Amino acid sequence: MNIGVLALQGAVSEHISCLKGAMEKLGIAENISLVREKEELGGLDGLIIPGGESTTHSLLLEKEGMVEGLGKIPKIFGTCAGAILISREIIGQANGQKSLGLIDMAISRNGYGRQLDSFQSPIESSLGKLDGVFIRAPVIERVGEKVEVLAEHRGKPVAVQQGKHVATTFHPELSGSTAFHEHFLRIDR
């Protein structure tokens, strides 16, 4: 299984560490690729789009000609800014920002507030209890009927899945748990 981590910005090394731990727990041979150019999208079984600044992600993906290639990847896991990029609708969308529309949800950028409003909170999920790390986190305002809610916080979805695609508004790579990475790896396995 070849899993890529989009390495344009965000917690790339933390996702790699979680992936290595998850692959070890599941007995999967480690094959992780850093993705910085469109040619590196070929042959991936899955891709993680980490947090960072979603507008910057969007503009860099467009500039590098990677948008079309992303649509060909069988499964994508977007965390925080990555969740914004794979949503169908971005509320408060910045100029030039585009989404991939992979998960039928409407998401508000920085919905929990600014950097100073970042927080940690325990989260009960269908994958177990973990520490949710919310950094300038978006809020999922609406999900479509085919979207499965995996976790909620304050009455709002914070982890969702539609088909093979997963999104979290928090940073599971900073939680000390590999549960969401294991879940992503198990999809279609």
N, C-alpha and C. Protein backbone atom coordinates (compact mmCIF):
# COMPACT_ATOMS: atom_id res chain seq x y z
N MET A 1 0.85 -1.18 0.00
CA MET A 1 0.00 0.00 0.00
C MET A 1 0.89 1.24 0.00
N ASN A 2 0.71 2.09 -0.98
CA ASN A 2 1.50 3.31 -1.10
C ASN A 2 0.65 4.51 -0.70
N ILE A 3 0.97 5.10 0.45
CA ILE A 3 0.24 6.26 0.95
C ILE A 3 1.13 7.49 0.84
N GLY A 4 0.59 8.54 0.28
CA GLY A 4 1.31 9.80 0.16
C GLY A 4 0.87 10.79 1.22
N VAL A 5 1.77 11.68 1.57
CA VAL A 5 1.45 12.81 2.44
C VAL A 5 1.80 14.06 1.65
N LEU A 6 0.80 14.91 1.42
CA LEU A 6 1.04 16.15 0.70
C LEU A 6 2.00 16.98 1.53
N ALA A 7 3.15 17.30 0.98
CA ALA A 7 4.23 17.92 1.75
C ALA A 7 4.47 19.36 1.32
N LEU A 8 3.40 20.13 1.19
CA LEU A 8 3.52 21.54 0.81
C LEU A 8 3.58 22.43 2.04
N GLN A 9 2.92 22.01 3.14
CA GLN A 9 2.92 22.73 4.41
C GLN A 9 2.18 21.88 5.43
N GLY A 10 2.20 22.29 6.67
CA GLY A 10 1.46 21.58 7.71
C GLY A 10 2.30 20.55 8.45
N ALA A 11 1.63 19.72 9.24
CA ALA A 11 2.27 18.75 10.12
C ALA A 11 2.64 17.47 9.37
N VAL A 12 3.50 17.62 8.37
CA VAL A 12 3.88 16.51 7.51
C VAL A 12 4.61 15.41 8.31
N SER A 13 5.62 15.77 9.07
CA SER A 13 6.39 14.76 9.80
C SER A 13 5.53 14.06 10.85
N GLU A 14 4.58 14.77 11.45
CA GLU A 14 3.68 14.16 12.44
C GLU A 14 2.76 13.14 11.79
N HIS A 15 2.28 13.44 10.59
CA HIS A 15 1.45 12.47 9.86
C HIS A 15 2.28 11.24 9.48
N ILE A 16 3.50 11.46 9.07
CA ILE A 16 4.36 10.33 8.72
C ILE A 16 4.57 9.43 9.93
N SER A 17 4.84 10.02 11.09
CA SER A 17 5.01 9.23 12.32
C SER A 17 3.76 8.43 12.63
N CYS A 18 2.59 9.06 12.53
CA CYS A 18 1.33 8.35 12.78
C CYS A 18 1.11 7.23 11.77
N LEU A 19 1.40 7.50 10.51
CA LEU A 19 1.26 6.47 9.48
C LEU A 19 2.17 5.28 9.77
N LYS A 20 3.41 5.56 10.13
CA LYS A 20 4.34 4.47 10.44
C LYS A 20 3.81 3.63 11.60
N GLY A 21 3.33 4.29 12.66
CA GLY A 21 2.77 3.58 13.79
C GLY A 21 1.54 2.77 13.42
N ALA A 22 0.66 3.35 12.62
CA ALA A 22 -0.56 2.66 12.19
C ALA A 22 -0.23 1.47 11.30
N MET A 23 0.72 1.64 10.39
CA MET A 23 1.11 0.54 9.50
C MET A 23 1.73 -0.60 10.30
N GLU A 24 2.52 -0.24 11.29
CA GLU A 24 3.13 -1.28 12.14
C GLU A 24 2.04 -2.04 12.90
N LYS A 25 1.08 -1.34 13.49
CA LYS A 25 -0.01 -1.99 14.23
C LYS A 25 -0.84 -2.89 13.34
N LEU A 26 -1.04 -2.50 12.09
CA LEU A 26 -1.87 -3.27 11.17
C LEU A 26 -1.08 -4.31 10.37
N GLY A 27 0.24 -4.33 10.55
CA GLY A 27 1.06 -5.29 9.81
C GLY A 27 1.16 -4.99 8.33
N ILE A 28 1.15 -3.71 7.99
CA ILE A 28 1.25 -3.27 6.59
C ILE A 28 2.69 -2.84 6.33
N ALA A 29 3.25 -3.29 5.22
CA ALA A 29 4.60 -2.88 4.85
C ALA A 29 4.61 -1.36 4.64
N GLU A 30 5.58 -0.72 5.26
CA GLU A 30 5.66 0.74 5.20
C GLU A 30 6.05 1.22 3.81
N ASN A 31 5.18 2.01 3.21
CA ASN A 31 5.47 2.63 1.92
C ASN A 31 4.80 4.00 1.92
N ILE A 32 5.54 4.99 2.38
CA ILE A 32 5.02 6.35 2.52
C ILE A 32 5.80 7.27 1.59
N SER A 33 5.08 8.08 0.84
CA SER A 33 5.71 9.00 -0.11
C SER A 33 5.40 10.44 0.25
N LEU A 34 6.40 11.29 0.17
CA LEU A 34 6.17 12.73 0.28
C LEU A 34 5.75 13.21 -1.11
N VAL A 35 4.69 14.00 -1.15
CA VAL A 35 4.16 14.47 -2.43
C VAL A 35 4.29 15.98 -2.50
N ARG A 36 5.11 16.43 -3.45
CA ARG A 36 5.32 17.87 -3.67
C ARG A 36 5.04 18.29 -5.11
N GLU A 37 5.00 17.31 -6.01
CA GLU A 37 4.81 17.60 -7.44
C GLU A 37 3.76 16.66 -8.01
N LYS A 38 3.13 17.06 -9.11
CA LYS A 38 2.04 16.26 -9.67
C LYS A 38 2.49 14.87 -10.10
N GLU A 39 3.73 14.72 -10.52
CA GLU A 39 4.22 13.42 -10.95
C GLU A 39 4.25 12.42 -9.78
N GLU A 40 4.32 12.94 -8.57
CA GLU A 40 4.39 12.07 -7.39
C GLU A 40 3.01 11.57 -6.95
N LEU A 41 1.95 12.01 -7.61
CA LEU A 41 0.60 11.55 -7.29
C LEU A 41 0.30 10.19 -7.91
N GLY A 42 1.03 9.84 -8.97
CA GLY A 42 0.79 8.58 -9.66
C GLY A 42 1.12 7.38 -8.78
N GLY A 43 0.28 6.37 -8.84
CA GLY A 43 0.53 5.13 -8.13
C GLY A 43 0.19 5.15 -6.65
N LEU A 44 -0.41 6.24 -6.16
CA LEU A 44 -0.78 6.29 -4.75
C LEU A 44 -2.09 5.54 -4.52
N ASP A 45 -2.15 4.82 -3.41
CA ASP A 45 -3.39 4.17 -2.99
C ASP A 45 -4.21 5.10 -2.11
N GLY A 46 -3.56 6.10 -1.54
CA GLY A 46 -4.23 7.06 -0.69
C GLY A 46 -3.33 8.25 -0.45
N LEU A 47 -3.94 9.34 0.01
CA LEU A 47 -3.19 10.57 0.25
C LEU A 47 -3.72 11.25 1.50
N ILE A 48 -2.83 11.76 2.31
CA ILE A 48 -3.20 12.59 3.45
C ILE A 48 -2.89 14.03 3.10
N ILE A 49 -3.90 14.90 3.28
CA ILE A 49 -3.71 16.34 3.10
C ILE A 49 -3.72 16.94 4.50
N PRO A 50 -2.56 17.36 4.99
CA PRO A 50 -2.48 17.88 6.36
C PRO A 50 -3.06 19.29 6.50
N GLY A 51 -3.06 19.74 7.74
CA GLY A 51 -3.49 21.11 8.02
C GLY A 51 -2.49 22.10 7.45
N GLY A 52 -2.69 23.32 7.80
CA GLY A 52 -1.90 24.43 7.27
C GLY A 52 -2.88 25.55 6.96
N GLU A 53 -2.64 26.26 5.92
CA GLU A 53 -3.54 27.34 5.52
C GLU A 53 -4.22 26.89 4.23
N SER A 54 -5.52 26.73 4.26
CA SER A 54 -6.24 26.11 3.14
C SER A 54 -6.14 26.91 1.85
N THR A 55 -6.13 28.23 1.94
CA THR A 55 -6.00 29.04 0.72
C THR A 55 -4.64 28.81 0.08
N THR A 56 -3.59 28.78 0.90
CA THR A 56 -2.24 28.51 0.38
C THR A 56 -2.18 27.13 -0.26
N HIS A 57 -2.73 26.13 0.43
CA HIS A 57 -2.79 24.78 -0.16
C HIS A 57 -3.44 24.83 -1.53
N SER A 58 -4.61 25.45 -1.59
CA SER A 58 -5.38 25.51 -2.83
C SER A 58 -4.59 26.17 -3.95
N LEU A 59 -3.97 27.31 -3.66
CA LEU A 59 -3.21 28.03 -4.68
C LEU A 59 -1.98 27.25 -5.13
N LEU A 60 -1.29 26.60 -4.18
CA LEU A 60 -0.11 25.79 -4.54
C LEU A 60 -0.50 24.57 -5.38
N LEU A 61 -1.60 23.92 -5.02
CA LEU A 61 -2.07 22.77 -5.79
C LEU A 61 -2.41 23.19 -7.21
N GLU A 62 -3.06 24.34 -7.35
CA GLU A 62 -3.41 24.86 -8.67
C GLU A 62 -2.14 25.21 -9.46
N LYS A 63 -1.23 25.92 -8.82
CA LYS A 63 0.02 26.35 -9.47
C LYS A 63 0.84 25.16 -9.96
N GLU A 64 0.88 24.10 -9.15
CA GLU A 64 1.66 22.91 -9.50
C GLU A 64 0.91 21.95 -10.43
N GLY A 65 -0.33 22.29 -10.78
CA GLY A 65 -1.12 21.46 -11.69
C GLY A 65 -1.53 20.12 -11.06
N MET A 66 -1.74 20.11 -9.76
CA MET A 66 -2.01 18.86 -9.05
C MET A 66 -3.50 18.57 -8.85
N VAL A 67 -4.37 19.53 -9.10
CA VAL A 67 -5.79 19.37 -8.78
C VAL A 67 -6.40 18.18 -9.51
N GLU A 68 -6.17 18.06 -10.79
CA GLU A 68 -6.74 16.96 -11.57
C GLU A 68 -6.24 15.60 -11.06
N GLY A 69 -4.97 15.51 -10.74
CA GLY A 69 -4.39 14.27 -10.24
C GLY A 69 -4.96 13.85 -8.90
N LEU A 70 -5.32 14.82 -8.06
CA LEU A 70 -5.91 14.50 -6.75
C LEU A 70 -7.23 13.75 -6.91
N GLY A 71 -7.99 14.11 -7.93
CA GLY A 71 -9.28 13.46 -8.16
C GLY A 71 -9.15 12.00 -8.57
N LYS A 72 -7.96 11.56 -8.93
CA LYS A 72 -7.74 10.18 -9.36
C LYS A 72 -7.25 9.28 -8.23
N ILE A 73 -6.98 9.86 -7.06
CA ILE A 73 -6.49 9.08 -5.93
C ILE A 73 -7.67 8.37 -5.28
N PRO A 74 -7.56 7.06 -5.05
CA PRO A 74 -8.70 6.28 -4.54
C PRO A 74 -9.28 6.76 -3.21
N LYS A 75 -8.42 7.21 -2.29
CA LYS A 75 -8.93 7.67 -1.00
C LYS A 75 -8.05 8.80 -0.48
N ILE A 76 -8.71 9.79 0.15
CA ILE A 76 -8.01 10.96 0.68
C ILE A 76 -8.47 11.20 2.11
N PHE A 77 -7.51 11.55 2.97
CA PHE A 77 -7.77 11.88 4.37
C PHE A 77 -7.31 13.33 4.55
N GLY A 78 -8.25 14.23 4.80
CA GLY A 78 -7.92 15.63 4.99
C GLY A 78 -8.11 16.04 6.44
N THR A 79 -7.06 16.64 7.03
CA THR A 79 -7.16 17.12 8.41
C THR A 79 -7.11 18.64 8.42
N CYS A 80 -8.03 19.26 9.14
CA CYS A 80 -8.11 20.70 9.31
C CYS A 80 -8.19 21.41 7.94
N ALA A 81 -7.13 22.02 7.49
CA ALA A 81 -7.15 22.67 6.17
C ALA A 81 -7.41 21.65 5.06
N GLY A 82 -6.91 20.43 5.25
CA GLY A 82 -7.18 19.35 4.29
C GLY A 82 -8.66 19.03 4.22
N ALA A 83 -9.36 19.11 5.36
CA ALA A 83 -10.81 18.89 5.38
C ALA A 83 -11.53 19.97 4.58
N ILE A 84 -11.04 21.19 4.69
CA ILE A 84 -11.62 22.29 3.91
C ILE A 84 -11.47 22.00 2.42
N LEU A 85 -10.29 21.55 2.02
CA LEU A 85 -10.01 21.30 0.61
C LEU A 85 -10.86 20.19 0.01
N ILE A 86 -11.24 19.19 0.81
CA ILE A 86 -11.99 18.08 0.23
C ILE A 86 -13.51 18.23 0.43
N SER A 87 -13.93 19.35 1.02
CA SER A 87 -15.36 19.59 1.22
C SER A 87 -16.03 20.00 -0.09
N ARG A 88 -17.35 19.93 -0.09
CA ARG A 88 -18.10 20.37 -1.26
C ARG A 88 -18.31 21.88 -1.24
N GLU A 89 -18.51 22.45 -0.04
CA GLU A 89 -18.79 23.88 0.07
C GLU A 89 -17.94 24.50 1.17
N ILE A 90 -17.30 25.62 0.85
CA ILE A 90 -16.49 26.36 1.82
C ILE A 90 -17.22 27.65 2.16
N ILE A 91 -17.62 27.78 3.42
CA ILE A 91 -18.28 29.00 3.88
C ILE A 91 -17.16 29.97 4.27
N GLY A 92 -17.23 31.21 3.77
CA GLY A 92 -16.16 32.17 4.02
C GLY A 92 -14.96 31.92 3.13
N GLN A 93 -15.24 31.42 1.95
CA GLN A 93 -14.20 31.05 0.99
C GLN A 93 -13.36 32.26 0.60
N ALA A 94 -12.05 32.08 0.62
CA ALA A 94 -11.13 33.14 0.22
C ALA A 94 -11.07 33.23 -1.31
N ASN A 95 -10.66 34.37 -1.82
CA ASN A 95 -10.52 34.54 -3.27
C ASN A 95 -9.58 33.51 -3.85
N GLY A 96 -10.01 32.85 -4.90
CA GLY A 96 -9.16 31.91 -5.60
C GLY A 96 -9.12 30.53 -4.97
N GLN A 97 -9.71 30.35 -3.81
CA GLN A 97 -9.69 29.04 -3.16
C GLN A 97 -10.73 28.12 -3.77
N LYS A 98 -10.29 26.92 -4.08
CA LYS A 98 -11.19 25.93 -4.66
C LYS A 98 -11.19 24.70 -3.77
N SER A 99 -12.27 23.96 -3.84
CA SER A 99 -12.32 22.70 -3.10
C SER A 99 -12.48 21.56 -4.09
N LEU A 100 -12.19 20.36 -3.62
CA LEU A 100 -12.26 19.17 -4.48
C LEU A 100 -13.66 18.56 -4.50
N GLY A 101 -14.52 18.93 -3.53
CA GLY A 101 -15.89 18.43 -3.51
C GLY A 101 -16.02 16.94 -3.27
N LEU A 102 -15.08 16.33 -2.55
CA LEU A 102 -15.10 14.89 -2.34
C LEU A 102 -16.04 14.44 -1.23
N ILE A 103 -16.32 15.32 -0.27
CA ILE A 103 -17.25 15.00 0.82
C ILE A 103 -18.36 16.05 0.81
N ASP A 104 -19.60 15.56 0.82
CA ASP A 104 -20.76 16.44 0.78
C ASP A 104 -20.95 17.09 2.15
N MET A 105 -20.21 18.17 2.36
CA MET A 105 -20.33 18.93 3.60
C MET A 105 -20.05 20.40 3.32
N ALA A 106 -20.63 21.23 4.16
CA ALA A 106 -20.34 22.66 4.15
C ALA A 106 -19.49 22.94 5.38
N ILE A 107 -18.39 23.64 5.19
CA ILE A 107 -17.42 23.84 6.26
C ILE A 107 -17.05 25.32 6.36
N SER A 108 -16.97 25.83 7.59
CA SER A 108 -16.59 27.23 7.83
C SER A 108 -15.11 27.30 8.20
N ARG A 109 -14.37 28.08 7.46
CA ARG A 109 -12.97 28.30 7.78
C ARG A 109 -12.85 28.98 9.15
N ASN A 110 -11.87 28.55 9.95
CA ASN A 110 -11.61 29.14 11.27
C ASN A 110 -12.89 29.26 12.10
N GLY A 111 -13.78 28.30 11.98
CA GLY A 111 -15.09 28.34 12.63
C GLY A 111 -15.03 28.40 14.15
N TYR A 112 -13.97 27.86 14.75
CA TYR A 112 -13.84 27.92 16.21
C TYR A 112 -13.11 29.19 16.65
N GLY A 113 -12.65 29.99 15.71
CA GLY A 113 -11.99 31.24 16.06
C GLY A 113 -10.57 31.31 15.52
N ARG A 114 -9.88 32.32 15.99
CA ARG A 114 -8.52 32.61 15.53
C ARG A 114 -7.50 31.74 16.26
N GLN A 115 -6.23 31.96 15.99
CA GLN A 115 -5.14 31.18 16.59
C GLN A 115 -5.24 31.16 18.12
N LEU A 116 -5.54 32.29 18.74
CA LEU A 116 -5.64 32.38 20.20
C LEU A 116 -6.80 31.54 20.75
N ASP A 117 -7.76 31.18 19.90
CA ASP A 117 -8.90 30.38 20.32
C ASP A 117 -8.66 28.88 20.16
N SER A 118 -7.46 28.49 19.76
CA SER A 118 -7.13 27.07 19.60
C SER A 118 -7.24 26.38 20.96
N PHE A 119 -7.60 25.08 20.94
CA PHE A 119 -7.83 24.37 22.20
C PHE A 119 -7.68 22.86 22.01
N GLN A 120 -7.62 22.15 23.13
CA GLN A 120 -7.63 20.69 23.16
C GLN A 120 -8.84 20.26 23.97
N SER A 121 -9.46 19.16 23.53
CA SER A 121 -10.63 18.66 24.24
C SER A 121 -10.78 17.16 23.97
N PRO A 122 -11.19 16.40 24.98
CA PRO A 122 -11.45 14.98 24.74
C PRO A 122 -12.59 14.82 23.73
N ILE A 123 -12.46 13.82 22.87
CA ILE A 123 -13.48 13.54 21.86
C ILE A 123 -13.83 12.07 21.93
N GLU A 124 -15.13 11.79 21.95
CA GLU A 124 -15.62 10.43 21.81
C GLU A 124 -15.90 10.23 20.32
N SER A 125 -15.33 9.19 19.75
CA SER A 125 -15.56 8.92 18.33
C SER A 125 -15.93 7.46 18.15
N SER A 126 -16.36 7.12 16.98
CA SER A 126 -16.66 5.72 16.68
C SER A 126 -15.38 4.88 16.69
N LEU A 127 -14.23 5.54 16.74
CA LEU A 127 -12.94 4.85 16.78
C LEU A 127 -12.35 4.83 18.18
N GLY A 128 -13.09 5.36 19.15
CA GLY A 128 -12.62 5.41 20.53
C GLY A 128 -12.41 6.84 20.99
N LYS A 129 -11.97 6.96 22.24
CA LYS A 129 -11.75 8.28 22.84
C LYS A 129 -10.34 8.76 22.49
N LEU A 130 -10.22 10.04 22.18
CA LEU A 130 -8.90 10.62 21.93
C LEU A 130 -8.92 12.09 22.25
N ASP A 131 -7.75 12.67 22.26
CA ASP A 131 -7.59 14.09 22.55
C ASP A 131 -7.68 14.86 21.24
N GLY A 132 -8.68 15.72 21.12
CA GLY A 132 -8.83 16.53 19.92
C GLY A 132 -8.03 17.81 20.04
N VAL A 133 -7.16 18.04 19.06
CA VAL A 133 -6.34 19.25 19.03
C VAL A 133 -6.90 20.14 17.91
N PHE A 134 -7.49 21.27 18.29
CA PHE A 134 -8.15 22.18 17.36
C PHE A 134 -7.31 23.45 17.25
N ILE A 135 -6.71 23.66 16.08
CA ILE A 135 -5.86 24.83 15.85
C ILE A 135 -6.48 25.64 14.71
N ARG A 136 -7.03 26.81 15.05
CA ARG A 136 -7.75 27.61 14.03
C ARG A 136 -8.66 26.70 13.21
N ALA A 137 -9.35 25.85 13.90
CA ALA A 137 -10.08 24.76 13.26
C ALA A 137 -11.34 25.22 12.53
N PRO A 138 -11.63 24.56 11.41
CA PRO A 138 -12.89 24.81 10.73
C PRO A 138 -14.03 24.10 11.47
N VAL A 139 -15.26 24.49 11.16
CA VAL A 139 -16.44 23.85 11.72
C VAL A 139 -17.26 23.29 10.57
N ILE A 140 -17.66 22.03 10.69
CA ILE A 140 -18.55 21.42 9.70
C ILE A 140 -19.96 21.85 10.05
N GLU A 141 -20.56 22.63 9.17
CA GLU A 141 -21.89 23.20 9.41
C GLU A 141 -23.02 22.30 8.92
N ARG A 142 -22.74 21.52 7.89
CA ARG A 142 -23.78 20.66 7.31
C ARG A 142 -23.11 19.46 6.66
N VAL A 143 -23.77 18.30 6.77
CA VAL A 143 -23.29 17.11 6.04
C VAL A 143 -24.45 16.55 5.23
N GLY A 144 -24.13 15.97 4.09
CA GLY A 144 -25.13 15.33 3.24
C GLY A 144 -25.53 13.98 3.81
N GLU A 145 -26.59 13.41 3.26
CA GLU A 145 -27.14 12.17 3.79
C GLU A 145 -26.21 10.96 3.61
N LYS A 146 -25.28 11.01 2.69
CA LYS A 146 -24.35 9.89 2.49
C LYS A 146 -23.07 10.02 3.32
N VAL A 147 -23.01 11.05 4.14
CA VAL A 147 -21.82 11.30 4.97
C VAL A 147 -22.03 10.67 6.34
N GLU A 148 -21.08 9.86 6.76
CA GLU A 148 -21.11 9.24 8.08
C GLU A 148 -20.34 10.12 9.06
N VAL A 149 -20.97 10.48 10.17
CA VAL A 149 -20.30 11.26 11.21
C VAL A 149 -19.57 10.29 12.13
N LEU A 150 -18.24 10.44 12.23
CA LEU A 150 -17.41 9.57 13.06
C LEU A 150 -17.19 10.13 14.45
N ALA A 151 -17.30 11.46 14.60
CA ALA A 151 -17.12 12.11 15.90
C ALA A 151 -17.76 13.48 15.88
N GLU A 152 -18.21 13.92 17.07
CA GLU A 152 -18.78 15.26 17.24
C GLU A 152 -18.12 15.95 18.43
N HIS A 153 -18.18 17.27 18.40
CA HIS A 153 -17.72 18.09 19.51
C HIS A 153 -18.65 19.30 19.57
N ARG A 154 -19.19 19.57 20.74
CA ARG A 154 -20.12 20.68 20.92
C ARG A 154 -21.29 20.61 19.94
N GLY A 155 -21.75 19.39 19.66
CA GLY A 155 -22.91 19.20 18.80
C GLY A 155 -22.65 19.32 17.31
N LYS A 156 -21.39 19.50 16.93
CA LYS A 156 -21.03 19.62 15.51
C LYS A 156 -20.13 18.45 15.11
N PRO A 157 -20.26 17.95 13.87
CA PRO A 157 -19.35 16.90 13.41
C PRO A 157 -17.92 17.44 13.36
N VAL A 158 -16.97 16.62 13.81
CA VAL A 158 -15.55 16.99 13.72
C VAL A 158 -14.75 15.93 12.97
N ALA A 159 -15.38 14.79 12.69
CA ALA A 159 -14.77 13.74 11.87
C ALA A 159 -15.88 13.09 11.06
N VAL A 160 -15.66 13.01 9.75
CA VAL A 160 -16.68 12.47 8.85
C VAL A 160 -16.02 11.59 7.79
N GLN A 161 -16.87 10.77 7.18
CA GLN A 161 -16.41 9.92 6.09
C GLN A 161 -17.51 9.81 5.05
N GLN A 162 -17.11 9.91 3.79
CA GLN A 162 -18.03 9.64 2.68
C GLN A 162 -17.29 8.73 1.73
N GLY A 163 -17.79 7.53 1.57
CA GLY A 163 -17.11 6.55 0.73
C GLY A 163 -15.73 6.28 1.29
N LYS A 164 -14.72 6.50 0.48
CA LYS A 164 -13.33 6.24 0.87
C LYS A 164 -12.60 7.46 1.41
N HIS A 165 -13.31 8.58 1.51
CA HIS A 165 -12.67 9.83 1.93
C HIS A 165 -13.04 10.17 3.37
N VAL A 166 -12.04 10.63 4.13
CA VAL A 166 -12.20 10.95 5.55
C VAL A 166 -11.73 12.38 5.78
N ALA A 167 -12.41 13.09 6.68
CA ALA A 167 -12.01 14.45 7.03
C ALA A 167 -12.16 14.64 8.54
N THR A 168 -11.19 15.33 9.13
CA THR A 168 -11.28 15.73 10.53
C THR A 168 -10.98 17.23 10.61
N THR A 169 -11.72 17.93 11.48
CA THR A 169 -11.46 19.36 11.65
C THR A 169 -10.37 19.58 12.69
N PHE A 170 -10.03 18.55 13.43
CA PHE A 170 -8.96 18.60 14.42
C PHE A 170 -7.73 17.89 13.84
N HIS A 171 -6.68 17.82 14.64
CA HIS A 171 -5.40 17.24 14.20
C HIS A 171 -5.16 15.91 14.90
N PRO A 172 -5.61 14.80 14.32
CA PRO A 172 -5.38 13.50 14.96
C PRO A 172 -3.90 13.14 15.04
N GLU A 173 -3.09 13.71 14.17
CA GLU A 173 -1.65 13.44 14.18
C GLU A 173 -0.96 14.03 15.40
N LEU A 174 -1.65 14.93 16.11
CA LEU A 174 -1.10 15.55 17.32
C LEU A 174 -1.75 15.00 18.59
N SER A 175 -2.62 14.01 18.45
CA SER A 175 -3.42 13.50 19.57
C SER A 175 -2.74 12.41 20.38
N GLY A 176 -1.65 11.84 19.87
CA GLY A 176 -1.03 10.70 20.55
C GLY A 176 -1.70 9.39 20.19
N SER A 177 -2.65 9.39 19.27
CA SER A 177 -3.37 8.20 18.84
C SER A 177 -3.19 8.00 17.34
N THR A 178 -3.13 6.75 16.93
CA THR A 178 -3.07 6.43 15.50
C THR A 178 -4.42 5.94 14.98
N ALA A 179 -5.48 6.05 15.78
CA ALA A 179 -6.79 5.47 15.44
C ALA A 179 -7.32 5.93 14.08
N PHE A 180 -7.25 7.22 13.80
CA PHE A 180 -7.79 7.70 12.52
C PHE A 180 -6.91 7.29 11.35
N HIS A 181 -5.61 7.23 11.55
CA HIS A 181 -4.72 6.77 10.49
C HIS A 181 -4.94 5.28 10.22
N GLU A 182 -5.15 4.50 11.28
CA GLU A 182 -5.46 3.07 11.11
C GLU A 182 -6.78 2.91 10.36
N HIS A 183 -7.78 3.70 10.73
CA HIS A 183 -9.08 3.65 10.05
C HIS A 183 -8.91 3.95 8.56
N PHE A 184 -8.17 4.99 8.25
CA PHE A 184 -7.94 5.37 6.85
C PHE A 184 -7.25 4.23 6.09
N LEU A 185 -6.25 3.62 6.70
CA LEU A 185 -5.54 2.53 6.04
C LEU A 185 -6.44 1.31 5.80
N ARG A 186 -7.39 1.07 6.70
CA ARG A 186 -8.28 -0.11 6.58
C ARG A 186 -9.31 0.04 5.46
N ILE A 187 -9.60 1.26 5.03
CA ILE A 187 -10.62 1.48 3.99
C ILE A 187 -10.20 0.73 2.73
N ASP A 188 -11.08 -0.15 2.27
CA ASP A 188 -10.86 -0.96 1.04
C ASP A 188 -9.64 -1.86 1.14
N ARG A 189 -9.38 -2.34 2.29
CA ARG A 189 -8.22 -3.24 2.44
C ARG A 189 -8.69 -4.67 2.49
